[in-house]
Amino acid sequence: MRIRTLAAADATTALPQLISLLQDTVAGGASLGFMPPLSLETARRYWEGIFKEITESKRILLVAGEADEIIGTVQLELAQKENALHRAEVQKVMVAPRCRRQGVARALMNAIEESARQAGRTLLVLDTERESDAERFYPGCGYTRSGVIPQYARRTDGSLVDTVVFYRLL
């Protein structure tokens, strides 16, 4: 497995795989801000927006791959406000369903933290669905739970779910 920063120039080549990964992850029940079934057009618009933020130096996108196949991603949204240039938000940690529990997510987290350091960021924050596998995963990566926001997101069945907020000082 190889992890690399995806430049906006690589967007056209990577787009079909990124769309597929996002659709598969959402279909599998991951809480990523989308409701299944995730349409091809919605996924395409999402990734095109991400590529725009990469070209504007507002976001870093890392991809994990085997051969020429993208099997995971993680993003770092870089805070832009003058008093916040020391922090960033880790977002959209995705691993292809067939590659889970093989260390891909942990490798992505290690790599995004290194990217954060290189970007001069010393505080990382993230949030995830309460009582999820991700909530149990992040403390093992060195993240500290800071609190819970009740009824933060809607599930596919219409019920509301809490989110857990984590941080890590680098």
N, C-alpha and C. Protein backbone atom coordinates (compact mmCIF):
# COMPACT_ATOMS: atom_id res chain seq x y z
N MET A 1 0.84 -1.18 0.00
CA MET A 1 0.00 0.00 0.00
C MET A 1 0.89 1.24 0.00
N ARG A 2 0.48 2.21 -0.78
CA ARG A 2 1.19 3.48 -0.89
C ARG A 2 0.22 4.63 -0.61
N ILE A 3 0.65 5.60 0.18
CA ILE A 3 -0.17 6.78 0.46
C ILE A 3 0.50 7.97 -0.20
N ARG A 4 -0.31 8.77 -0.89
CA ARG A 4 0.24 9.94 -1.57
C ARG A 4 -0.76 11.09 -1.50
N THR A 5 -0.23 12.29 -1.65
CA THR A 5 -1.07 13.47 -1.75
C THR A 5 -1.62 13.52 -3.16
N LEU A 6 -2.92 13.72 -3.27
CA LEU A 6 -3.54 13.81 -4.59
C LEU A 6 -3.61 15.28 -4.98
N ALA A 7 -2.92 15.62 -6.04
CA ALA A 7 -2.94 16.99 -6.56
C ALA A 7 -4.17 17.17 -7.44
N ALA A 8 -4.63 18.40 -7.57
CA ALA A 8 -5.79 18.68 -8.41
C ALA A 8 -5.54 18.23 -9.86
N ALA A 9 -4.28 18.26 -10.29
CA ALA A 9 -3.94 17.84 -11.65
C ALA A 9 -4.24 16.36 -11.88
N ASP A 10 -4.31 15.58 -10.79
CA ASP A 10 -4.60 14.15 -10.89
C ASP A 10 -6.10 13.86 -10.82
N ALA A 11 -6.92 14.91 -10.71
CA ALA A 11 -8.34 14.75 -10.46
C ALA A 11 -9.05 13.95 -11.54
N THR A 12 -8.80 14.25 -12.79
CA THR A 12 -9.51 13.58 -13.88
C THR A 12 -9.27 12.09 -13.86
N THR A 13 -8.04 11.69 -13.61
CA THR A 13 -7.70 10.27 -13.58
C THR A 13 -8.31 9.58 -12.36
N ALA A 14 -8.28 10.24 -11.23
CA ALA A 14 -8.73 9.63 -9.97
C ALA A 14 -10.24 9.71 -9.76
N LEU A 15 -10.91 10.62 -10.44
CA LEU A 15 -12.32 10.88 -10.17
C LEU A 15 -13.22 9.64 -10.20
N PRO A 16 -13.16 8.78 -11.20
CA PRO A 16 -14.04 7.61 -11.19
C PRO A 16 -13.84 6.72 -9.96
N GLN A 17 -12.60 6.52 -9.55
CA GLN A 17 -12.33 5.69 -8.36
C GLN A 17 -12.80 6.37 -7.09
N LEU A 18 -12.61 7.68 -7.00
CA LEU A 18 -13.05 8.42 -5.81
C LEU A 18 -14.58 8.41 -5.69
N ILE A 19 -15.26 8.56 -6.81
CA ILE A 19 -16.73 8.48 -6.81
C ILE A 19 -17.17 7.11 -6.33
N SER A 20 -16.57 6.07 -6.88
CA SER A 20 -16.94 4.70 -6.50
C SER A 20 -16.67 4.44 -5.02
N LEU A 21 -15.52 4.89 -4.52
CA LEU A 21 -15.19 4.70 -3.11
C LEU A 21 -16.20 5.41 -2.22
N LEU A 22 -16.55 6.64 -2.57
CA LEU A 22 -17.53 7.39 -1.78
C LEU A 22 -18.89 6.70 -1.81
N GLN A 23 -19.33 6.28 -2.98
CA GLN A 23 -20.62 5.60 -3.07
C GLN A 23 -20.64 4.30 -2.27
N ASP A 24 -19.58 3.51 -2.36
CA ASP A 24 -19.50 2.25 -1.62
C ASP A 24 -19.49 2.49 -0.11
N THR A 25 -18.77 3.52 0.31
CA THR A 25 -18.66 3.81 1.74
C THR A 25 -20.00 4.29 2.29
N VAL A 26 -20.68 5.15 1.56
CA VAL A 26 -22.00 5.63 1.99
C VAL A 26 -23.01 4.48 1.98
N ALA A 27 -22.97 3.65 0.94
CA ALA A 27 -23.89 2.51 0.86
C ALA A 27 -23.67 1.55 2.03
N GLY A 28 -22.43 1.49 2.53
CA GLY A 28 -22.10 0.63 3.65
C GLY A 28 -22.49 1.20 5.00
N GLY A 29 -23.08 2.40 5.01
CA GLY A 29 -23.58 2.98 6.25
C GLY A 29 -22.68 4.00 6.91
N ALA A 30 -21.58 4.38 6.26
CA ALA A 30 -20.67 5.35 6.87
C ALA A 30 -21.34 6.72 6.96
N SER A 31 -21.04 7.41 8.04
CA SER A 31 -21.58 8.74 8.27
C SER A 31 -20.63 9.76 7.66
N LEU A 32 -20.89 10.17 6.44
CA LEU A 32 -20.01 11.09 5.73
C LEU A 32 -20.74 12.32 5.22
N GLY A 33 -21.95 12.54 5.70
CA GLY A 33 -22.70 13.70 5.27
C GLY A 33 -23.63 13.45 4.10
N PHE A 34 -23.72 12.22 3.64
CA PHE A 34 -24.56 11.88 2.50
C PHE A 34 -25.58 10.82 2.92
N MET A 35 -26.66 10.73 2.17
CA MET A 35 -27.68 9.72 2.40
C MET A 35 -27.68 8.74 1.22
N PRO A 36 -27.73 7.45 1.52
CA PRO A 36 -27.80 6.49 0.41
C PRO A 36 -29.21 6.46 -0.19
N PRO A 37 -29.33 6.12 -1.44
CA PRO A 37 -28.23 5.87 -2.38
C PRO A 37 -27.63 7.18 -2.86
N LEU A 38 -26.33 7.24 -2.92
CA LEU A 38 -25.61 8.43 -3.35
C LEU A 38 -25.50 8.40 -4.87
N SER A 39 -26.09 9.39 -5.52
CA SER A 39 -26.08 9.41 -6.99
C SER A 39 -24.70 9.73 -7.52
N LEU A 40 -24.48 9.29 -8.74
CA LEU A 40 -23.22 9.57 -9.43
C LEU A 40 -23.00 11.07 -9.54
N GLU A 41 -24.03 11.82 -9.88
CA GLU A 41 -23.90 13.27 -10.06
C GLU A 41 -23.57 13.98 -8.75
N THR A 42 -24.22 13.57 -7.65
CA THR A 42 -23.93 14.18 -6.35
C THR A 42 -22.49 13.90 -5.94
N ALA A 43 -22.05 12.68 -6.13
CA ALA A 43 -20.67 12.31 -5.79
C ALA A 43 -19.68 13.08 -6.66
N ARG A 44 -19.98 13.22 -7.93
CA ARG A 44 -19.09 13.95 -8.85
C ARG A 44 -18.97 15.42 -8.41
N ARG A 45 -20.12 16.05 -8.12
CA ARG A 45 -20.09 17.46 -7.68
C ARG A 45 -19.30 17.61 -6.39
N TYR A 46 -19.45 16.65 -5.48
CA TYR A 46 -18.71 16.71 -4.22
C TYR A 46 -17.20 16.72 -4.50
N TRP A 47 -16.73 15.75 -5.28
CA TRP A 47 -15.30 15.65 -5.54
C TRP A 47 -14.78 16.85 -6.33
N GLU A 48 -15.56 17.38 -7.25
CA GLU A 48 -15.14 18.56 -7.99
C GLU A 48 -14.95 19.75 -7.05
N GLY A 49 -15.81 19.86 -6.04
CA GLY A 49 -15.65 20.91 -5.03
C GLY A 49 -14.38 20.71 -4.21
N ILE A 50 -14.07 19.46 -3.90
CA ILE A 50 -12.84 19.15 -3.15
C ILE A 50 -11.62 19.54 -3.98
N PHE A 51 -11.63 19.20 -5.27
CA PHE A 51 -10.50 19.54 -6.13
C PHE A 51 -10.29 21.05 -6.21
N LYS A 52 -11.38 21.81 -6.23
CA LYS A 52 -11.28 23.27 -6.24
C LYS A 52 -10.58 23.75 -4.97
N GLU A 53 -10.96 23.19 -3.82
CA GLU A 53 -10.33 23.59 -2.56
C GLU A 53 -8.85 23.20 -2.51
N ILE A 54 -8.50 22.11 -3.15
CA ILE A 54 -7.08 21.71 -3.22
C ILE A 54 -6.30 22.76 -4.01
N THR A 55 -6.84 23.19 -5.14
CA THR A 55 -6.13 24.19 -5.94
C THR A 55 -6.02 25.53 -5.22
N GLU A 56 -6.96 25.80 -4.30
CA GLU A 56 -6.94 27.05 -3.52
C GLU A 56 -6.13 26.91 -2.23
N SER A 57 -5.47 25.77 -2.04
CA SER A 57 -4.66 25.48 -0.84
C SER A 57 -5.48 25.55 0.44
N LYS A 58 -6.74 25.15 0.36
CA LYS A 58 -7.62 25.11 1.52
C LYS A 58 -7.79 23.69 2.06
N ARG A 59 -7.32 22.71 1.29
CA ARG A 59 -7.54 21.32 1.65
C ARG A 59 -6.41 20.45 1.12
N ILE A 60 -6.12 19.40 1.88
CA ILE A 60 -5.17 18.37 1.46
C ILE A 60 -5.94 17.07 1.36
N LEU A 61 -5.74 16.33 0.29
CA LEU A 61 -6.38 15.04 0.08
C LEU A 61 -5.30 13.99 -0.09
N LEU A 62 -5.32 12.99 0.79
CA LEU A 62 -4.41 11.86 0.67
C LEU A 62 -5.20 10.65 0.20
N VAL A 63 -4.57 9.84 -0.63
CA VAL A 63 -5.18 8.59 -1.07
C VAL A 63 -4.24 7.43 -0.77
N ALA A 64 -4.83 6.33 -0.37
CA ALA A 64 -4.09 5.08 -0.18
C ALA A 64 -4.39 4.21 -1.37
N GLY A 65 -3.37 3.58 -1.91
CA GLY A 65 -3.59 2.76 -3.09
C GLY A 65 -2.79 1.48 -3.09
N GLU A 66 -3.34 0.54 -3.82
CA GLU A 66 -2.66 -0.72 -4.13
C GLU A 66 -2.60 -0.78 -5.64
N ALA A 67 -1.41 -0.86 -6.18
CA ALA A 67 -1.21 -0.78 -7.63
C ALA A 67 -1.82 0.54 -8.09
N ASP A 68 -2.79 0.50 -8.99
CA ASP A 68 -3.42 1.73 -9.48
C ASP A 68 -4.81 1.94 -8.90
N GLU A 69 -5.15 1.19 -7.86
CA GLU A 69 -6.48 1.26 -7.27
C GLU A 69 -6.47 2.07 -5.97
N ILE A 70 -7.36 3.05 -5.86
CA ILE A 70 -7.53 3.83 -4.64
C ILE A 70 -8.38 3.01 -3.68
N ILE A 71 -7.83 2.74 -2.49
CA ILE A 71 -8.55 1.93 -1.50
C ILE A 71 -8.92 2.72 -0.25
N GLY A 72 -8.47 3.97 -0.17
CA GLY A 72 -8.81 4.78 0.99
C GLY A 72 -8.43 6.23 0.78
N THR A 73 -9.07 7.11 1.56
CA THR A 73 -8.76 8.53 1.50
C THR A 73 -8.90 9.15 2.88
N VAL A 74 -8.29 10.31 3.03
CA VAL A 74 -8.49 11.18 4.19
C VAL A 74 -8.22 12.59 3.73
N GLN A 75 -8.93 13.54 4.35
CA GLN A 75 -8.77 14.94 3.98
C GLN A 75 -8.41 15.77 5.20
N LEU A 76 -7.74 16.87 4.92
CA LEU A 76 -7.42 17.84 5.95
C LEU A 76 -7.90 19.20 5.45
N GLU A 77 -8.94 19.71 6.12
CA GLU A 77 -9.42 21.05 5.79
C GLU A 77 -8.63 22.05 6.63
N LEU A 78 -7.90 22.91 5.96
CA LEU A 78 -7.02 23.85 6.61
C LEU A 78 -7.80 25.10 7.00
N ALA A 79 -7.84 25.41 8.30
CA ALA A 79 -8.52 26.62 8.75
C ALA A 79 -7.90 27.82 8.06
N GLN A 80 -8.72 28.79 7.66
CA GLN A 80 -8.25 29.93 6.88
C GLN A 80 -8.25 31.25 7.65
N LYS A 81 -8.92 31.30 8.77
CA LYS A 81 -8.99 32.55 9.52
C LYS A 81 -7.63 32.85 10.15
N GLU A 82 -7.32 34.13 10.26
CA GLU A 82 -6.00 34.58 10.73
C GLU A 82 -5.65 34.01 12.11
N ASN A 83 -6.63 33.90 12.99
CA ASN A 83 -6.34 33.40 14.35
C ASN A 83 -6.44 31.89 14.45
N ALA A 84 -6.58 31.21 13.31
CA ALA A 84 -6.78 29.76 13.33
C ALA A 84 -5.79 29.01 12.45
N LEU A 85 -4.74 29.66 12.02
CA LEU A 85 -3.82 29.05 11.06
C LEU A 85 -3.00 27.91 11.67
N HIS A 86 -3.18 27.65 12.94
CA HIS A 86 -2.48 26.55 13.61
C HIS A 86 -3.33 25.27 13.64
N ARG A 87 -4.56 25.32 13.13
CA ARG A 87 -5.42 24.15 13.25
C ARG A 87 -6.00 23.72 11.91
N ALA A 88 -6.51 22.48 11.92
CA ALA A 88 -7.13 21.89 10.73
C ALA A 88 -8.12 20.82 11.19
N GLU A 89 -9.02 20.48 10.29
CA GLU A 89 -10.01 19.45 10.59
C GLU A 89 -9.78 18.22 9.72
N VAL A 90 -9.66 17.07 10.34
CA VAL A 90 -9.55 15.80 9.63
C VAL A 90 -10.96 15.42 9.20
N GLN A 91 -11.10 15.08 7.91
CA GLN A 91 -12.43 14.77 7.38
C GLN A 91 -12.39 13.57 6.44
N LYS A 92 -13.53 12.97 6.32
CA LYS A 92 -13.82 11.93 5.32
C LYS A 92 -12.76 10.82 5.26
N VAL A 93 -12.51 10.20 6.40
CA VAL A 93 -11.64 9.02 6.41
C VAL A 93 -12.47 7.87 5.81
N MET A 94 -12.04 7.37 4.66
CA MET A 94 -12.77 6.31 3.96
C MET A 94 -11.81 5.18 3.61
N VAL A 95 -12.27 3.96 3.81
CA VAL A 95 -11.52 2.78 3.39
C VAL A 95 -12.49 1.86 2.67
N ALA A 96 -12.07 1.35 1.53
CA ALA A 96 -12.91 0.42 0.76
C ALA A 96 -13.34 -0.73 1.67
N PRO A 97 -14.60 -1.11 1.61
CA PRO A 97 -15.09 -2.17 2.51
C PRO A 97 -14.23 -3.43 2.53
N ARG A 98 -13.71 -3.86 1.41
CA ARG A 98 -12.91 -5.09 1.36
C ARG A 98 -11.52 -4.93 1.99
N CYS A 99 -11.12 -3.67 2.27
CA CYS A 99 -9.78 -3.41 2.81
C CYS A 99 -9.80 -2.98 4.27
N ARG A 100 -10.95 -3.03 4.90
CA ARG A 100 -11.04 -2.58 6.29
C ARG A 100 -10.37 -3.58 7.23
N ARG A 101 -9.95 -3.03 8.37
CA ARG A 101 -9.29 -3.81 9.43
C ARG A 101 -7.95 -4.40 8.97
N GLN A 102 -7.29 -3.66 8.07
CA GLN A 102 -5.98 -4.07 7.57
C GLN A 102 -4.93 -2.98 7.78
N GLY A 103 -5.26 -1.97 8.59
CA GLY A 103 -4.31 -0.92 8.89
C GLY A 103 -4.32 0.26 7.95
N VAL A 104 -5.25 0.28 6.99
CA VAL A 104 -5.29 1.37 6.01
C VAL A 104 -5.67 2.68 6.69
N ALA A 105 -6.71 2.67 7.51
CA ALA A 105 -7.16 3.90 8.18
C ALA A 105 -6.07 4.45 9.10
N ARG A 106 -5.41 3.59 9.84
CA ARG A 106 -4.35 4.06 10.74
C ARG A 106 -3.20 4.66 9.93
N ALA A 107 -2.83 4.03 8.83
CA ALA A 107 -1.77 4.58 7.98
C ALA A 107 -2.18 5.94 7.41
N LEU A 108 -3.44 6.07 7.01
CA LEU A 108 -3.93 7.35 6.52
C LEU A 108 -3.88 8.42 7.62
N MET A 109 -4.27 8.05 8.83
CA MET A 109 -4.24 9.01 9.94
C MET A 109 -2.81 9.46 10.23
N ASN A 110 -1.87 8.52 10.24
CA ASN A 110 -0.46 8.89 10.45
C ASN A 110 0.02 9.84 9.36
N ALA A 111 -0.35 9.55 8.13
CA ALA A 111 0.09 10.36 7.00
C ALA A 111 -0.54 11.75 7.02
N ILE A 112 -1.81 11.84 7.39
CA ILE A 112 -2.46 13.16 7.40
C ILE A 112 -1.88 14.02 8.52
N GLU A 113 -1.48 13.38 9.62
CA GLU A 113 -0.84 14.14 10.70
C GLU A 113 0.50 14.70 10.24
N GLU A 114 1.23 13.94 9.47
CA GLU A 114 2.50 14.43 8.93
C GLU A 114 2.24 15.59 7.95
N SER A 115 1.21 15.47 7.14
CA SER A 115 0.84 16.57 6.24
C SER A 115 0.47 17.81 7.03
N ALA A 116 -0.23 17.62 8.14
CA ALA A 116 -0.61 18.75 8.99
C ALA A 116 0.64 19.44 9.56
N ARG A 117 1.58 18.64 10.03
CA ARG A 117 2.83 19.21 10.55
C ARG A 117 3.54 20.03 9.47
N GLN A 118 3.62 19.47 8.27
CA GLN A 118 4.29 20.16 7.16
C GLN A 118 3.58 21.46 6.80
N ALA A 119 2.26 21.50 7.04
CA ALA A 119 1.47 22.71 6.76
C ALA A 119 1.47 23.67 7.95
N GLY A 120 2.23 23.34 9.01
CA GLY A 120 2.32 24.22 10.17
C GLY A 120 1.13 24.13 11.10
N ARG A 121 0.37 23.05 11.02
CA ARG A 121 -0.81 22.88 11.86
C ARG A 121 -0.45 22.04 13.07
N THR A 122 -0.86 22.50 14.25
CA THR A 122 -0.50 21.81 15.50
C THR A 122 -1.71 21.31 16.27
N LEU A 123 -2.91 21.64 15.83
CA LEU A 123 -4.14 21.16 16.46
C LEU A 123 -5.04 20.59 15.39
N LEU A 124 -5.42 19.33 15.58
CA LEU A 124 -6.35 18.68 14.66
C LEU A 124 -7.64 18.38 15.40
N VAL A 125 -8.76 18.56 14.72
CA VAL A 125 -10.07 18.22 15.27
C VAL A 125 -10.78 17.32 14.26
N LEU A 126 -11.71 16.54 14.76
CA LEU A 126 -12.55 15.71 13.91
C LEU A 126 -13.81 15.36 14.68
N ASP A 127 -14.82 14.90 13.95
CA ASP A 127 -16.02 14.41 14.62
C ASP A 127 -16.49 13.15 13.91
N THR A 128 -17.22 12.34 14.67
CA THR A 128 -17.74 11.10 14.12
C THR A 128 -19.00 10.69 14.86
N GLU A 129 -19.73 9.81 14.26
CA GLU A 129 -20.98 9.34 14.84
C GLU A 129 -20.75 8.60 16.16
N ARG A 130 -21.57 8.93 17.13
CA ARG A 130 -21.48 8.29 18.45
C ARG A 130 -21.81 6.80 18.33
N GLU A 131 -21.07 6.00 19.10
CA GLU A 131 -21.23 4.54 19.16
C GLU A 131 -20.90 3.85 17.84
N SER A 132 -20.01 4.46 17.05
CA SER A 132 -19.57 3.87 15.78
C SER A 132 -18.20 3.23 15.96
N ASP A 133 -17.81 2.45 14.97
CA ASP A 133 -16.45 1.89 14.97
C ASP A 133 -15.43 3.02 14.98
N ALA A 134 -15.73 4.12 14.26
CA ALA A 134 -14.80 5.24 14.21
C ALA A 134 -14.60 5.87 15.59
N GLU A 135 -15.66 5.96 16.38
CA GLU A 135 -15.52 6.52 17.72
C GLU A 135 -14.55 5.69 18.56
N ARG A 136 -14.57 4.39 18.37
CA ARG A 136 -13.65 3.52 19.10
C ARG A 136 -12.24 3.55 18.52
N PHE A 137 -12.12 3.89 17.24
CA PHE A 137 -10.83 3.90 16.54
C PHE A 137 -9.95 5.10 16.90
N TYR A 138 -10.52 6.30 16.94
CA TYR A 138 -9.71 7.51 17.07
C TYR A 138 -8.90 7.62 18.36
N PRO A 139 -9.39 7.19 19.51
CA PRO A 139 -8.52 7.25 20.70
C PRO A 139 -7.23 6.46 20.53
N GLY A 140 -7.27 5.35 19.81
CA GLY A 140 -6.08 4.56 19.55
C GLY A 140 -5.08 5.26 18.65
N CYS A 141 -5.53 6.30 17.97
CA CYS A 141 -4.66 7.11 17.12
C CYS A 141 -4.15 8.35 17.85
N GLY A 142 -4.45 8.44 19.16
CA GLY A 142 -3.96 9.56 19.95
C GLY A 142 -4.92 10.73 20.08
N TYR A 143 -6.15 10.56 19.65
CA TYR A 143 -7.14 11.63 19.74
C TYR A 143 -7.87 11.58 21.08
N THR A 144 -8.19 12.76 21.60
CA THR A 144 -8.88 12.90 22.88
C THR A 144 -10.32 13.33 22.62
N ARG A 145 -11.22 12.63 23.24
CA ARG A 145 -12.64 12.97 23.13
C ARG A 145 -12.89 14.26 23.90
N SER A 146 -13.50 15.24 23.25
CA SER A 146 -13.76 16.50 23.94
C SER A 146 -15.23 16.72 24.25
N GLY A 147 -16.11 15.98 23.61
CA GLY A 147 -17.52 16.14 23.93
C GLY A 147 -18.43 15.53 22.89
N VAL A 148 -19.73 15.64 23.18
CA VAL A 148 -20.77 15.09 22.33
C VAL A 148 -21.75 16.20 21.97
N ILE A 149 -22.13 16.24 20.71
CA ILE A 149 -23.18 17.16 20.27
C ILE A 149 -24.41 16.30 19.97
N PRO A 150 -25.48 16.49 20.73
CA PRO A 150 -26.65 15.64 20.53
C PRO A 150 -27.39 15.96 19.22
N GLN A 151 -27.99 14.92 18.65
CA GLN A 151 -28.86 15.04 17.48
C GLN A 151 -28.20 15.82 16.34
N TYR A 152 -26.98 15.52 16.06
CA TYR A 152 -26.17 16.28 15.10
C TYR A 152 -26.49 15.96 13.64
N ALA A 153 -26.77 14.70 13.35
CA ALA A 153 -26.99 14.30 11.95
C ALA A 153 -28.18 13.36 11.86
N ARG A 154 -28.70 13.23 10.65
CA ARG A 154 -29.85 12.38 10.42
C ARG A 154 -29.40 11.07 9.78
N ARG A 155 -29.91 9.97 10.29
CA ARG A 155 -29.67 8.64 9.71
C ARG A 155 -30.66 8.42 8.56
N THR A 156 -30.40 7.36 7.81
CA THR A 156 -31.28 7.06 6.67
C THR A 156 -32.70 6.73 7.11
N ASP A 157 -32.87 6.24 8.33
CA ASP A 157 -34.23 5.94 8.82
C ASP A 157 -34.94 7.17 9.38
N GLY A 158 -34.28 8.31 9.31
CA GLY A 158 -34.88 9.56 9.77
C GLY A 158 -34.54 9.93 11.21
N SER A 159 -33.99 8.99 11.98
CA SER A 159 -33.64 9.29 13.37
C SER A 159 -32.39 10.16 13.42
N LEU A 160 -32.24 10.88 14.53
CA LEU A 160 -31.08 11.74 14.72
C LEU A 160 -30.03 11.03 15.54
N VAL A 161 -28.78 11.29 15.23
CA VAL A 161 -27.66 10.64 15.91
C VAL A 161 -26.71 11.71 16.44
N ASP A 162 -26.12 11.42 17.59
CA ASP A 162 -25.14 12.32 18.20
C ASP A 162 -23.80 12.21 17.47
N THR A 163 -23.01 13.27 17.57
CA THR A 163 -21.64 13.22 17.06
C THR A 163 -20.69 13.43 18.22
N VAL A 164 -19.53 12.79 18.13
CA VAL A 164 -18.49 12.91 19.14
C VAL A 164 -17.36 13.72 18.53
N VAL A 165 -16.89 14.72 19.26
CA VAL A 165 -15.81 15.59 18.79
C VAL A 165 -14.51 15.17 19.48
N PHE A 166 -13.46 15.05 18.67
CA PHE A 166 -12.13 14.68 19.14
C PHE A 166 -11.13 15.76 18.74
N TYR A 167 -10.00 15.79 19.46
CA TYR A 167 -8.90 16.68 19.06
C TYR A 167 -7.58 15.96 19.32
N ARG A 168 -6.54 16.48 18.68
CA ARG A 168 -5.19 15.99 18.91
C ARG A 168 -4.22 17.14 18.75
N LEU A 169 -3.37 17.32 19.76
CA LEU A 169 -2.28 18.28 19.68
C LEU A 169 -1.06 17.57 19.10
N LEU A 170 -0.49 18.14 18.07
CA LEU A 170 0.68 17.51 17.44
C LEU A 170 1.96 18.07 18.05
